[in-house]
Amino acid sequence: MADIFYLSHIKFGFGVLDELAAAMAGLDVRRPLVATDKGVAASGIATEVVRACGVDAVVYDGTPGNPTEEAVEEALALYRAERCDGVIAVGGGSPIDLGKGVALLATHPGPLAPYAAILGGIPKITANVAPVIAVPTTAGTGSEVGRAALLTLRDGRKLGFISPHLIPKVAICDPALTLGLPPHLTAATGFDAITHCIETYLSPRYNPPAEAIALDGLRRAVGWIERAVADGQDRTARQEMMMAALEGGLTFQKGLGAVHALSHPLGGLKEPVLHHGTLNAVLLPAVLRFNAGHAKEKYETMQRLLGLPEGVALADFFAGFARRLGIPAGLAAMGVPESCLPAIAKGAILDHSAATNPRPASEADFLALLEESMRP
């Protein structure tokens, strides 16, 4: 049996931020909480969004690099104190995931943990979630159309909160908001989109529409990311990367794989603070080698799609591609200590993404993948 679900309302294109007020009116949102981070606030984008709201908006800009339970509760307190009635999540995946967490707890009793997917929380999330409008400012996470939020609990576990009710009611995808994004963030977030497309395509779940979308997203991302990195003002490249990221998000319902099973617990580390997209880029080659032979036809399809010469392995191609884009050469270069690897491997086994890797992975397998990715 297949469970295929597409209900996202997406406004896409240069200038669609001007349609935000109409989207709010359609959802009867009159007092929104604008959830963002300090980087987006400093860039002036949060001010643009507040202006586009056309009503008084409350701004929360305290989202950390990996959103935490503490930050969700802090934003929730502001939401309640200001009598907000909806969330506008502005930024990359972190503010959008935080916004989903606020919308959940605004209408469901806390704490967060009981709603985590691996703790049986999916059916506990009802349609009563407060409305969320997502305004992405990077091209990578796909959270603007995704049904999940990744949040780090007080005990350090980075868990997935998954429900169709967490899909933002409207996604305002304006590529103009990504113009000028620094090269390193363009590369890292773009690799996040690449990894989403690859892992969802390789997932064994049956969902041909999602696989077609994933392949189109992969083609766009690989074809345009170098231009976007080289010239942050390239409007065509920015538009294509935003579409690739959106398509990666649309395929999440098919499940991810070992890359994300590892990057989620790594992202839960308090020190060092690790960027999700960069982690995915570093982990991807080792996982592609691990899965080779377990999805032979799909590997061949991706090789043809990317125009790779015969004999060039996907893992080697993406390892070289990441180096050309300035991605760090391994987890060690990102500051990951060897001592944390066994705990990360244990966390990967428990992560919801592990179940849809095309090749089942044991704790020992995950540890070996981490060790391979330390200094590739």
Protein backbone atom coordinates (compact mmCIF):
# COMPACT_ATOMS: atom_id res chain seq x y z
CA MET A 1 0.00 0.00 0.00
CA ALA A 2 1.24 3.51 -0.81
CA ASP A 3 0.35 6.65 1.16
CA ILE A 4 0.85 9.65 -1.15
CA PHE A 5 0.09 13.12 0.17
CA TYR A 6 0.46 16.46 -1.66
CA LEU A 7 -1.43 19.45 -0.29
CA SER A 8 1.08 22.30 -0.14
CA HIS A 9 -0.07 25.76 -1.26
CA ILE A 10 3.04 27.36 -2.77
CA LYS A 11 3.50 30.87 -4.10
CA PHE A 12 6.71 30.82 -6.14
CA GLY A 13 8.63 33.48 -8.02
CA PHE A 14 10.33 36.83 -7.74
CA GLY A 15 8.12 39.29 -5.89
CA VAL A 16 5.68 36.83 -4.30
CA LEU A 17 6.52 38.22 -0.86
CA ASP A 18 3.99 40.92 -1.79
CA GLU A 19 1.30 38.22 -1.58
CA LEU A 20 1.96 37.55 2.11
CA ALA A 21 -0.81 39.81 3.41
CA ALA A 22 -3.38 38.08 1.20
CA ALA A 23 -2.16 34.68 2.39
CA MET A 24 -2.56 35.80 6.00
CA ALA A 25 -6.06 37.09 5.32
CA GLY A 26 -6.99 33.75 3.79
CA LEU A 27 -5.98 32.06 7.02
CA ASP A 28 -7.55 34.77 9.21
CA VAL A 29 -4.16 35.57 10.77
CA ARG A 30 -4.30 39.08 12.20
CA ARG A 31 -1.55 39.08 14.82
CA PRO A 32 1.36 36.92 13.61
CA LEU A 33 4.53 35.93 15.37
CA VAL A 34 7.41 36.31 12.92
CA ALA A 35 9.85 33.56 13.93
CA THR A 36 13.36 34.11 12.61
CA ASP A 37 17.01 34.26 13.67
CA LYS A 38 19.44 37.08 14.31
CA GLY A 39 21.18 36.66 10.96
CA VAL A 40 17.96 37.10 9.01
CA ALA A 41 16.97 39.98 11.26
CA ALA A 42 20.33 41.71 10.71
CA SER A 43 20.02 41.29 6.94
CA GLY A 44 16.85 43.37 6.90
CA ILE A 45 14.74 40.52 5.49
CA ALA A 46 12.70 40.18 8.68
CA THR A 47 11.82 43.87 8.40
CA GLU A 48 10.72 43.32 4.78
CA VAL A 49 8.49 40.47 5.91
CA VAL A 50 6.94 42.50 8.73
CA ARG A 51 6.22 45.28 6.25
CA ALA A 52 4.64 42.79 3.84
CA CYS A 53 2.32 41.53 6.59
CA GLY A 54 0.33 44.76 6.50
CA VAL A 55 -0.61 44.32 10.19
CA ASP A 56 1.17 44.59 13.51
CA ALA A 57 3.55 41.64 13.86
CA VAL A 58 5.63 40.42 16.77
CA VAL A 59 9.21 39.36 16.01
CA TYR A 60 11.09 36.55 17.71
CA ASP A 61 14.68 36.40 16.45
CA GLY A 62 16.23 34.04 18.98
CA THR A 63 16.25 30.85 16.90
CA PRO A 64 19.59 29.05 17.39
CA GLY A 65 21.48 27.29 14.60
CA ASN A 66 19.79 24.02 15.59
CA PRO A 67 16.39 24.87 17.12
CA THR A 68 15.95 23.76 20.70
CA GLU A 69 13.08 23.00 23.03
CA GLU A 70 14.13 25.98 25.15
CA ALA A 71 13.91 28.33 22.15
CA VAL A 72 10.49 26.95 21.17
CA GLU A 73 9.22 27.61 24.67
CA GLU A 74 10.70 31.12 24.70
CA ALA A 75 9.02 31.96 21.40
CA LEU A 76 5.78 30.33 22.60
CA ALA A 77 5.75 32.55 25.69
CA LEU A 78 6.01 35.61 23.44
CA TYR A 79 3.29 34.23 21.14
CA ARG A 80 0.92 33.85 24.09
CA ALA A 81 1.83 37.13 25.78
CA GLU A 82 1.18 39.05 22.56
CA ARG A 83 -2.02 37.11 21.79
CA CYS A 84 -0.73 35.94 18.42
CA ASP A 85 -2.91 33.80 16.16
CA GLY A 86 -0.43 32.39 13.68
CA VAL A 87 3.25 32.01 12.85
CA ILE A 88 5.24 33.39 9.92
CA ALA A 89 8.50 31.43 9.90
CA VAL A 90 11.26 33.31 8.07
CA GLY A 91 14.70 31.92 7.32
CA GLY A 92 16.30 28.56 6.70
CA GLY A 93 15.22 25.27 8.19
CA SER A 94 15.92 26.30 11.78
CA PRO A 95 13.39 29.16 12.07
CA ILE A 96 10.84 27.23 10.01
CA ASP A 97 11.16 24.17 12.25
CA LEU A 98 11.01 26.36 15.35
CA GLY A 99 7.87 28.00 13.98
CA LYS A 100 6.27 24.59 13.55
CA GLY A 101 7.16 23.76 17.15
CA VAL A 102 5.53 26.97 18.38
CA ALA A 103 2.40 26.31 16.30
CA LEU A 104 2.17 22.81 17.77
CA LEU A 105 2.51 23.83 21.41
CA ALA A 106 0.25 26.85 20.95
CA THR A 107 -2.64 24.42 20.50
CA HIS A 108 -1.45 21.18 22.16
CA PRO A 109 -0.40 20.64 25.79
CA GLY A 110 3.35 20.48 26.38
CA PRO A 111 6.02 19.30 26.66
CA LEU A 112 7.36 18.52 23.18
CA ALA A 113 8.70 15.00 23.68
CA PRO A 114 5.38 13.06 23.53
CA TYR A 115 4.83 14.35 19.97
CA ALA A 116 8.14 13.00 18.59
CA ALA A 117 7.69 10.45 15.83
CA ILE A 118 9.90 7.78 17.38
CA LEU A 119 8.03 8.13 20.68
CA GLY A 120 4.65 7.44 19.08
CA GLY A 121 3.70 11.08 18.75
CA ILE A 122 2.45 11.24 15.16
CA PRO A 123 -1.24 10.52 15.92
CA LYS A 124 -1.16 12.95 18.85
CA ILE A 125 -0.70 15.92 16.51
CA THR A 126 -4.15 17.08 15.44
CA ALA A 127 -5.44 19.47 12.79
CA ASN A 128 -5.71 22.08 15.53
CA VAL A 129 -2.09 23.22 14.94
CA ALA A 130 -1.90 27.02 14.65
CA PRO A 131 -1.46 28.21 11.04
CA VAL A 132 2.11 28.55 9.77
CA ILE A 133 3.24 30.50 6.72
CA ALA A 134 6.82 29.68 5.72
CA VAL A 135 9.09 32.21 4.01
CA PRO A 136 12.39 30.51 3.13
CA THR A 137 15.50 32.67 2.78
CA THR A 138 17.84 29.82 1.80
CA ALA A 139 17.57 27.15 -0.87
CA GLY A 140 18.14 23.84 0.83
CA THR A 141 16.00 22.57 3.67
CA GLY A 142 12.61 22.16 1.99
CA SER A 143 11.02 22.65 5.40
CA GLU A 144 8.63 25.17 3.85
CA VAL A 145 6.70 22.26 2.31
CA GLY A 146 7.77 19.48 4.68
CA ARG A 147 5.68 17.72 7.28
CA ALA A 148 8.51 17.47 9.84
CA ALA A 149 10.26 19.68 12.35
CA LEU A 150 13.67 18.70 13.76
CA LEU A 151 14.00 19.98 17.31
CA THR A 152 16.63 19.32 19.99
CA LEU A 153 15.18 18.48 23.40
CA ARG A 154 16.70 19.49 26.72
CA ASP A 155 18.33 16.09 27.07
CA GLY A 156 20.24 16.58 23.80
CA ARG A 157 18.14 14.31 21.59
CA LYS A 158 17.42 15.83 18.17
CA LEU A 159 14.07 14.33 17.25
CA GLY A 160 11.66 14.53 14.36
CA PHE A 161 8.11 15.78 14.89
CA ILE A 162 6.14 14.55 11.90
CA SER A 163 2.56 15.16 10.80
CA PRO A 164 0.72 16.42 7.72
CA HIS A 165 -0.72 19.01 10.11
CA LEU A 166 2.77 20.52 10.47
CA ILE A 167 3.02 21.32 6.76
CA PRO A 168 2.89 25.13 6.48
CA LYS A 169 -0.46 26.30 5.18
CA VAL A 170 1.29 28.52 2.63
CA ALA A 171 4.89 28.64 1.42
CA ILE A 172 6.02 32.03 0.10
CA CYS A 173 9.03 31.12 -2.05
CA ASP A 174 10.58 34.35 -3.32
CA PRO A 175 14.07 33.77 -4.80
CA ALA A 176 14.80 37.47 -4.29
CA LEU A 177 15.21 36.72 -0.58
CA THR A 178 18.21 34.47 -1.37
CA LEU A 179 20.11 36.99 -3.51
CA GLY A 180 23.47 37.71 -1.93
CA LEU A 181 23.45 34.65 0.36
CA PRO A 182 27.17 34.05 1.10
CA PRO A 183 28.94 31.40 -1.02
CA HIS A 184 29.57 28.99 1.87
CA LEU A 185 25.91 29.03 2.91
CA THR A 186 24.78 28.73 -0.69
CA ALA A 187 26.96 25.63 -1.07
CA ALA A 188 25.94 24.08 2.26
CA THR A 189 22.21 24.66 1.88
CA GLY A 190 22.35 23.59 -1.76
CA PHE A 191 23.99 20.32 -0.75
CA ASP A 192 21.17 19.84 1.72
CA ALA A 193 18.73 19.95 -1.22
CA ILE A 194 20.94 17.54 -3.20
CA THR A 195 21.00 15.09 -0.31
CA HIS A 196 17.23 15.30 0.17
CA CYS A 197 16.65 14.45 -3.48
CA ILE A 198 19.11 11.55 -3.44
CA GLU A 199 17.96 9.99 -0.18
CA THR A 200 14.25 10.24 -0.90
CA TYR A 201 14.78 8.81 -4.38
CA LEU A 202 16.68 5.85 -2.92
CA SER A 203 14.12 5.20 -0.18
CA PRO A 204 12.42 1.82 -0.74
CA ARG A 205 8.93 3.22 -0.16
CA TYR A 206 6.68 3.09 -3.22
CA ASN A 207 5.92 6.61 -4.43
CA PRO A 208 6.65 7.18 -8.15
CA PRO A 209 5.48 10.84 -8.14
CA ALA A 210 7.95 11.64 -5.35
CA GLU A 211 10.75 9.86 -7.21
CA ALA A 212 10.08 11.91 -10.35
CA ILE A 213 10.14 15.11 -8.31
CA ALA A 214 13.36 14.05 -6.57
CA LEU A 215 15.13 13.42 -9.86
CA ASP A 216 14.04 16.79 -11.24
CA GLY A 217 15.24 18.49 -8.06
CA LEU A 218 18.58 16.69 -8.24
CA ARG A 219 19.05 17.75 -11.87
CA ARG A 220 18.33 21.38 -11.05
CA ALA A 221 20.49 21.50 -7.92
CA VAL A 222 23.57 19.90 -9.46
CA GLY A 223 23.12 21.94 -12.62
CA TRP A 224 22.83 25.36 -10.97
CA ILE A 225 24.56 25.30 -7.58
CA GLU A 226 27.99 26.25 -8.93
CA ARG A 227 26.58 29.35 -10.63
CA ALA A 228 24.71 30.32 -7.46
CA VAL A 229 27.89 29.94 -5.40
CA ALA A 230 29.98 31.90 -7.91
CA ASP A 231 27.51 34.79 -8.25
CA GLY A 232 25.05 35.41 -5.46
CA GLN A 233 23.10 37.84 -7.64
CA ASP A 234 22.45 35.35 -10.46
CA ARG A 235 18.66 35.45 -10.52
CA THR A 236 18.22 32.38 -12.71
CA ALA A 237 20.54 30.29 -10.55
CA ARG A 238 18.79 31.45 -7.38
CA GLN A 239 15.38 30.60 -8.80
CA GLU A 240 16.49 27.14 -9.91
CA MET A 241 18.08 26.39 -6.52
CA MET A 242 14.96 27.48 -4.66
CA MET A 243 12.87 25.18 -6.85
CA ALA A 244 15.32 22.30 -6.27
CA ALA A 245 15.08 22.82 -2.52
CA LEU A 246 11.28 22.94 -2.66
CA GLU A 247 11.19 19.74 -4.71
CA GLY A 248 13.46 18.02 -2.18
CA GLY A 249 10.98 18.99 0.53
CA LEU A 250 8.02 17.68 -1.44
CA THR A 251 9.62 14.23 -1.49
CA PHE A 252 10.14 13.96 2.29
CA GLN A 253 7.04 11.78 2.61
CA LYS A 254 9.08 9.00 0.99
CA GLY A 255 11.56 9.05 3.88
CA LEU A 256 15.26 9.87 4.01
CA GLY A 257 18.18 7.60 4.86
CA ALA A 258 21.50 7.04 6.61
CA VAL A 259 22.90 10.49 5.85
CA HIS A 260 20.11 12.12 7.82
CA ALA A 261 20.06 9.40 10.47
CA LEU A 262 23.64 10.50 11.21
CA SER A 263 23.34 14.24 10.67
CA HIS A 264 20.39 14.57 13.04
CA PRO A 265 22.21 13.38 16.19
CA LEU A 266 25.35 15.23 15.10
CA GLY A 267 23.24 18.38 14.87
CA GLY A 268 22.10 17.80 18.44
CA LEU A 269 25.62 18.29 19.81
CA LYS A 270 25.94 21.39 21.96
CA GLU A 271 29.59 21.75 20.93
CA PRO A 272 30.58 22.13 18.22
CA VAL A 273 27.49 23.69 16.64
CA LEU A 274 27.25 21.96 13.25
CA HIS A 275 25.45 23.12 10.12
CA HIS A 276 22.98 20.53 8.85
CA GLY A 277 23.60 20.97 5.13
CA THR A 278 27.37 20.85 5.59
CA LEU A 279 27.04 17.64 7.58
CA ASN A 280 24.98 16.08 4.81
CA ALA A 281 27.57 17.01 2.20
CA VAL A 282 30.38 15.47 4.26
CA LEU A 283 28.46 12.28 5.07
CA LEU A 284 26.97 11.69 1.61
CA PRO A 285 29.95 9.99 -0.13
CA ALA A 286 30.41 7.35 2.57
CA VAL A 287 26.70 6.56 2.61
CA LEU A 288 26.58 6.31 -1.18
CA ARG A 289 29.41 3.77 -1.05
CA PHE A 290 27.60 1.84 1.68
CA ASN A 291 24.35 1.70 -0.30
CA ALA A 292 25.95 0.86 -3.66
CA GLY A 293 24.65 -2.47 -4.91
CA HIS A 294 21.40 -2.16 -2.97
CA ALA A 295 19.67 0.17 -5.45
CA LYS A 296 21.56 -0.62 -8.64
CA GLU A 297 18.98 0.62 -11.16
CA LYS A 298 18.44 3.86 -9.26
CA TYR A 299 22.19 4.51 -9.10
CA GLU A 300 22.39 3.99 -12.85
CA THR A 301 19.47 6.38 -13.38
CA MET A 302 21.19 9.10 -11.34
CA GLN A 303 24.47 8.55 -13.17
CA ARG A 304 22.71 9.00 -16.51
CA LEU A 305 20.79 12.02 -15.26
CA LEU A 306 24.03 13.72 -14.18
CA GLY A 307 25.87 12.73 -17.33
CA LEU A 308 28.64 10.91 -15.47
CA PRO A 309 31.21 9.06 -17.60
CA GLU A 310 31.16 5.28 -17.34
CA GLY A 311 33.16 4.11 -14.35
CA VAL A 312 32.70 7.30 -12.29
CA ALA A 313 30.97 6.35 -9.05
CA LEU A 314 28.33 8.63 -7.57
CA ALA A 315 30.21 8.74 -4.27
CA ASP A 316 33.41 9.92 -5.96
CA PHE A 317 31.53 12.49 -8.05
CA PHE A 318 29.84 14.07 -5.04
CA ALA A 319 33.01 14.01 -2.94
CA GLY A 320 34.80 15.98 -5.66
CA PHE A 321 31.79 18.24 -6.19
CA ALA A 322 31.74 19.13 -2.49
CA ARG A 323 35.45 19.95 -2.53
CA ARG A 324 34.98 22.27 -5.53
CA LEU A 325 32.26 24.11 -3.63
CA GLY A 326 34.43 24.62 -0.54
CA ILE A 327 32.75 22.07 1.75
CA PRO A 328 35.04 21.03 4.65
CA ALA A 329 37.04 17.86 4.04
CA GLY A 330 35.53 15.63 6.71
CA LEU A 331 33.90 15.72 10.11
CA ALA A 332 37.23 16.32 11.84
CA ALA A 333 37.65 19.54 9.87
CA MET A 334 34.26 20.61 11.25
CA GLY A 335 35.48 20.06 14.80
CA VAL A 336 33.72 16.76 15.50
CA PRO A 337 35.67 14.84 18.18
CA GLU A 338 36.32 11.10 17.80
CA SER A 339 35.02 10.55 21.33
CA CYS A 340 31.41 11.36 20.40
CA LEU A 341 31.15 8.90 17.50
CA PRO A 342 29.81 5.86 19.44
CA ALA A 343 27.00 7.96 20.92
CA ILE A 344 26.15 9.38 17.50
CA ALA A 345 25.98 5.85 16.05
CA LYS A 346 23.54 4.88 18.81
CA GLY A 347 21.46 7.97 18.03
CA ALA A 348 21.41 7.11 14.32
CA ILE A 349 19.87 3.70 15.00
CA LEU A 350 17.00 5.41 16.81
CA ASP A 351 16.51 8.18 14.23
CA HIS A 352 13.34 7.99 12.13
CA SER A 353 15.36 8.33 8.89
CA ALA A 354 17.23 5.07 9.44
CA ALA A 355 14.18 2.96 8.57
CA THR A 356 14.09 4.11 4.93
CA ASN A 357 17.73 3.70 4.02
CA PRO A 358 17.88 1.26 1.07
CA ARG A 359 20.37 -0.94 2.94
CA PRO A 360 19.65 -1.77 6.59
CA ALA A 361 22.38 -0.37 8.83
CA SER A 362 23.47 -1.62 12.24
CA GLU A 363 25.03 0.45 14.98
CA ALA A 364 28.42 -0.88 13.88
CA ASP A 365 27.66 0.18 10.30
CA PHE A 366 26.82 3.70 11.42
CA LEU A 367 30.01 3.89 13.45
CA ALA A 368 32.02 2.77 10.42
CA LEU A 369 30.33 5.44 8.26
CA LEU A 370 31.22 8.10 10.82
CA GLU A 371 34.83 6.94 10.98
CA GLU A 372 35.07 6.95 7.18
CA SER A 373 33.67 10.48 7.11
CA MET A 374 36.08 11.89 9.70
CA ARG A 375 39.02 12.24 7.28
CA PRO A 376 37.90 11.04 3.84
